[in-house]
Amino acid sequence: TIPMPRIGDQAPVFDAVTTQGKIHFPLDFNGKWIILFSHPSDFTPVCTSEFVTFGAMTEEFKALNCQLIGLSVDGLYSHIAWLRTIRGIGIVSSVKSMMILF
């Protein structure tokens, strides 16, 4: 088994199927800064506000050559349903026009 990474450890190499397609980490992000963050579950208020805030700041991160990658224990279809819910109820006034990619 692979030990649990700790703060300061090098992130493990992995492949994942995401809402944006398959990724090969870290190979697909060579030459970029990465913010790899996690959240406990879809459909929770804190996680939703964090994702919306990161989504609103996407262009700022791109300007810094930085890629956001969110990790979760939930499955792909749960993420898609969560994104549709966020857009549908308009968590913040600008969310319906904001492109949130996760």
C-alpha atoms as a PDB file:
ATOM      1  CA  THR A   1       0.000   0.000   0.000  1.00  0.00           C
ATOM      2  CA  ILE A   2       1.007   3.583  -0.580  1.00  0.00           C
ATOM      3  CA  PRO A   3       1.379   5.646   2.601  1.00  0.00           C
ATOM      4  CA  MET A   4      -0.864   8.693   3.056  1.00  0.00           C
ATOM      5  CA  PRO A   5       0.931  11.803   1.725  1.00  0.00           C
ATOM      6  CA  ARG A   6       1.649  14.518   4.282  1.00  0.00           C
ATOM      7  CA  ILE A   7       2.093  18.263   3.862  1.00  0.00           C
ATOM      8  CA  GLY A   8       5.441  18.851   2.203  1.00  0.00           C
ATOM      9  CA  ASP A   9       5.576  15.412   0.543  1.00  0.00           C
ATOM     10  CA  GLN A  10       5.763  15.121  -3.211  1.00  0.00           C
ATOM     11  CA  ALA A  11       2.313  14.375  -4.650  1.00  0.00           C
ATOM     12  CA  PRO A  12       1.871  10.834  -5.978  1.00  0.00           C
ATOM     13  CA  VAL A  13       1.638  10.058  -9.687  1.00  0.00           C
ATOM     14  CA  PHE A  14      -1.921   9.098 -10.681  1.00  0.00           C
ATOM     15  CA  ASP A  15      -4.444   8.936 -13.510  1.00  0.00           C
ATOM     16  CA  ALA A  16      -8.023  10.081 -12.956  1.00  0.00           C
ATOM     17  CA  VAL A  17     -11.232  10.446 -14.929  1.00  0.00           C
ATOM     18  CA  THR A  18     -12.573  13.930 -14.243  1.00  0.00           C
ATOM     19  CA  THR A  19     -15.461  16.114 -15.338  1.00  0.00           C
ATOM     20  CA  GLN A  20     -12.948  17.619 -17.797  1.00  0.00           C
ATOM     21  CA  GLY A  21     -11.714  14.268 -19.143  1.00  0.00           C
ATOM     22  CA  LYS A  22      -8.856  11.982 -18.171  1.00  0.00           C
ATOM     23  CA  ILE A  23      -5.786  13.475 -16.506  1.00  0.00           C
ATOM     24  CA  HIS A  24      -2.318  12.065 -15.924  1.00  0.00           C
ATOM     25  CA  PHE A  25      -0.883  13.755 -12.855  1.00  0.00           C
ATOM     26  CA  PRO A  26       1.625  15.372 -12.821  1.00  0.00           C
ATOM     27  CA  LEU A  27       2.604  14.779 -16.467  1.00  0.00           C
ATOM     28  CA  ASP A  28      -0.292  16.815 -17.922  1.00  0.00           C
ATOM     29  CA  PHE A  29       0.693  19.820 -15.828  1.00  0.00           C
ATOM     30  CA  ASN A  30       4.419  19.976 -16.535  1.00  0.00           C
ATOM     31  CA  GLY A  31       5.762  23.514 -16.209  1.00  0.00           C
ATOM     32  CA  LYS A  32       2.749  24.795 -14.236  1.00  0.00           C
ATOM     33  CA  TRP A  33       2.153  25.535 -10.609  1.00  0.00           C
ATOM     34  CA  ILE A  34      -0.528  23.275  -9.179  1.00  0.00           C
ATOM     35  CA  ILE A  35      -3.007  23.828  -6.368  1.00  0.00           C
ATOM     36  CA  LEU A  36      -4.181  20.350  -5.458  1.00  0.00           C
ATOM     37  CA  PHE A  37      -7.032  20.624  -2.977  1.00  0.00           C
ATOM     38  CA  SER A  38      -9.618  18.259  -1.618  1.00  0.00           C
ATOM     39  CA  HIS A  39     -13.080  18.437  -0.157  1.00  0.00           C
ATOM     40  CA  PRO A  40     -14.997  15.857   1.850  1.00  0.00           C
ATOM     41  CA  SER A  41     -18.198  15.570  -0.151  1.00  0.00           C
ATOM     42  CA  ASP A  42     -20.340  17.088  -2.889  1.00  0.00           C
ATOM     43  CA  PHE A  43     -23.498  18.993  -1.926  1.00  0.00           C
ATOM     44  CA  THR A  44     -22.032  20.466   1.272  1.00  0.00           C
ATOM     45  CA  PRO A  45     -22.291  24.235   1.858  1.00  0.00           C
ATOM     46  CA  VAL A  46     -18.639  24.926   2.665  1.00  0.00           C
ATOM     47  CA  CYS A  47     -17.308  22.895  -0.244  1.00  0.00           C
ATOM     48  CA  THR A  48     -19.736  24.569  -2.620  1.00  0.00           C
ATOM     49  CA  SER A  49     -18.680  28.077  -1.605  1.00  0.00           C
ATOM     50  CA  GLU A  50     -14.990  27.119  -1.903  1.00  0.00           C
ATOM     51  CA  PHE A  51     -15.470  25.726  -5.421  1.00  0.00           C
ATOM     52  CA  VAL A  52     -17.484  28.752  -6.520  1.00  0.00           C
ATOM     53  CA  THR A  53     -14.765  31.058  -5.168  1.00  0.00           C
ATOM     54  CA  PHE A  54     -12.017  29.109  -6.951  1.00  0.00           C
ATOM     55  CA  GLY A  55     -14.142  29.130 -10.116  1.00  0.00           C
ATOM     56  CA  ALA A  56     -14.475  32.910  -9.927  1.00  0.00           C
ATOM     57  CA  MET A  57     -10.680  33.198  -9.664  1.00  0.00           C
ATOM     58  CA  THR A  58      -9.795  30.844 -12.545  1.00  0.00           C
ATOM     59  CA  GLU A  59      -8.455  33.581 -14.826  1.00  0.00           C
ATOM     60  CA  GLU A  60      -6.289  34.988 -12.025  1.00  0.00           C
ATOM     61  CA  PHE A  61      -4.737  31.566 -11.475  1.00  0.00           C
ATOM     62  CA  LYS A  62      -4.207  31.082 -15.229  1.00  0.00           C
ATOM     63  CA  ALA A  63      -2.363  34.415 -15.379  1.00  0.00           C
ATOM     64  CA  LEU A  64       0.016  33.011 -12.741  1.00  0.00           C
ATOM     65  CA  ASN A  65       0.521  29.772 -14.760  1.00  0.00           C
ATOM     66  CA  CYS A  66      -1.309  27.912 -12.006  1.00  0.00           C
ATOM     67  CA  GLN A  67      -3.766  25.037 -12.460  1.00  0.00           C
ATOM     68  CA  LEU A  68      -6.424  24.162  -9.880  1.00  0.00           C
ATOM     69  CA  ILE A  69      -7.169  20.478  -9.300  1.00  0.00           C
ATOM     70  CA  GLY A  70      -9.889  19.471  -6.846  1.00  0.00           C
ATOM     71  CA  LEU A  71     -10.022  15.978  -5.360  1.00  0.00           C
ATOM     72  CA  SER A  72     -12.995  14.271  -3.770  1.00  0.00           C
ATOM     73  CA  VAL A  73     -14.146  10.876  -2.604  1.00  0.00           C
ATOM     74  CA  ASP A  74     -17.380  11.281  -4.589  1.00  0.00           C
ATOM     75  CA  GLY A  75     -17.850   9.858  -8.075  1.00  0.00           C
ATOM     76  CA  LEU A  76     -17.929  11.571 -11.436  1.00  0.00           C
ATOM     77  CA  TYR A  77     -21.730  11.527 -11.762  1.00  0.00           C
ATOM     78  CA  SER A  78     -22.129  13.044  -8.302  1.00  0.00           C
ATOM     79  CA  HIS A  79     -19.812  15.892  -9.340  1.00  0.00           C
ATOM     80  CA  ILE A  80     -21.845  16.515 -12.493  1.00  0.00           C
ATOM     81  CA  ALA A  81     -25.098  16.595 -10.508  1.00  0.00           C
ATOM     82  CA  TRP A  82     -23.525  18.935  -7.954  1.00  0.00           C
ATOM     83  CA  LEU A  83     -22.336  21.326 -10.668  1.00  0.00           C
ATOM     84  CA  ARG A  84     -25.817  21.366 -12.231  1.00  0.00           C
ATOM     85  CA  THR A  85     -27.341  22.079  -8.825  1.00  0.00           C
ATOM     86  CA  ILE A  86     -24.918  24.942  -8.167  1.00  0.00           C
ATOM     87  CA  ARG A  87     -25.732  26.498 -11.541  1.00  0.00           C
ATOM     88  CA  GLY A  88     -29.460  25.870 -11.163  1.00  0.00           C
ATOM     89  CA  ILE A  89     -29.951  27.515  -7.786  1.00  0.00           C
ATOM     90  CA  GLY A  90     -27.430  30.296  -8.316  1.00  0.00           C
ATOM     91  CA  ILE A  91     -25.386  30.065  -5.108  1.00  0.00           C
ATOM     92  CA  VAL A  92     -24.095  33.544  -5.905  1.00  0.00           C
ATOM     93  CA  SER A  93     -25.573  36.015  -8.343  1.00  0.00           C
ATOM     94  CA  SER A  94     -22.807  35.543 -10.926  1.00  0.00           C
ATOM     95  CA  VAL A  95     -22.655  31.744 -10.834  1.00  0.00           C
ATOM     96  CA  LYS A  96     -25.141  31.167 -13.665  1.00  0.00           C
ATOM     97  CA  SER A  97     -22.841  32.962 -16.111  1.00  0.00           C
ATOM     98  CA  MET A  98     -19.589  31.703 -14.549  1.00  0.00           C
ATOM     99  CA  MET A  99     -17.841  28.727 -16.107  1.00  0.00           C
ATOM    100  CA  ILE A 100     -17.031  26.444 -13.205  1.00  0.00           C
ATOM    101  CA  LEU A 101     -14.884  23.580 -14.401  1.00  0.00           C
ATOM    102  CA  PHE A 102     -14.667  20.618 -12.088  1.00  0.00           C
END
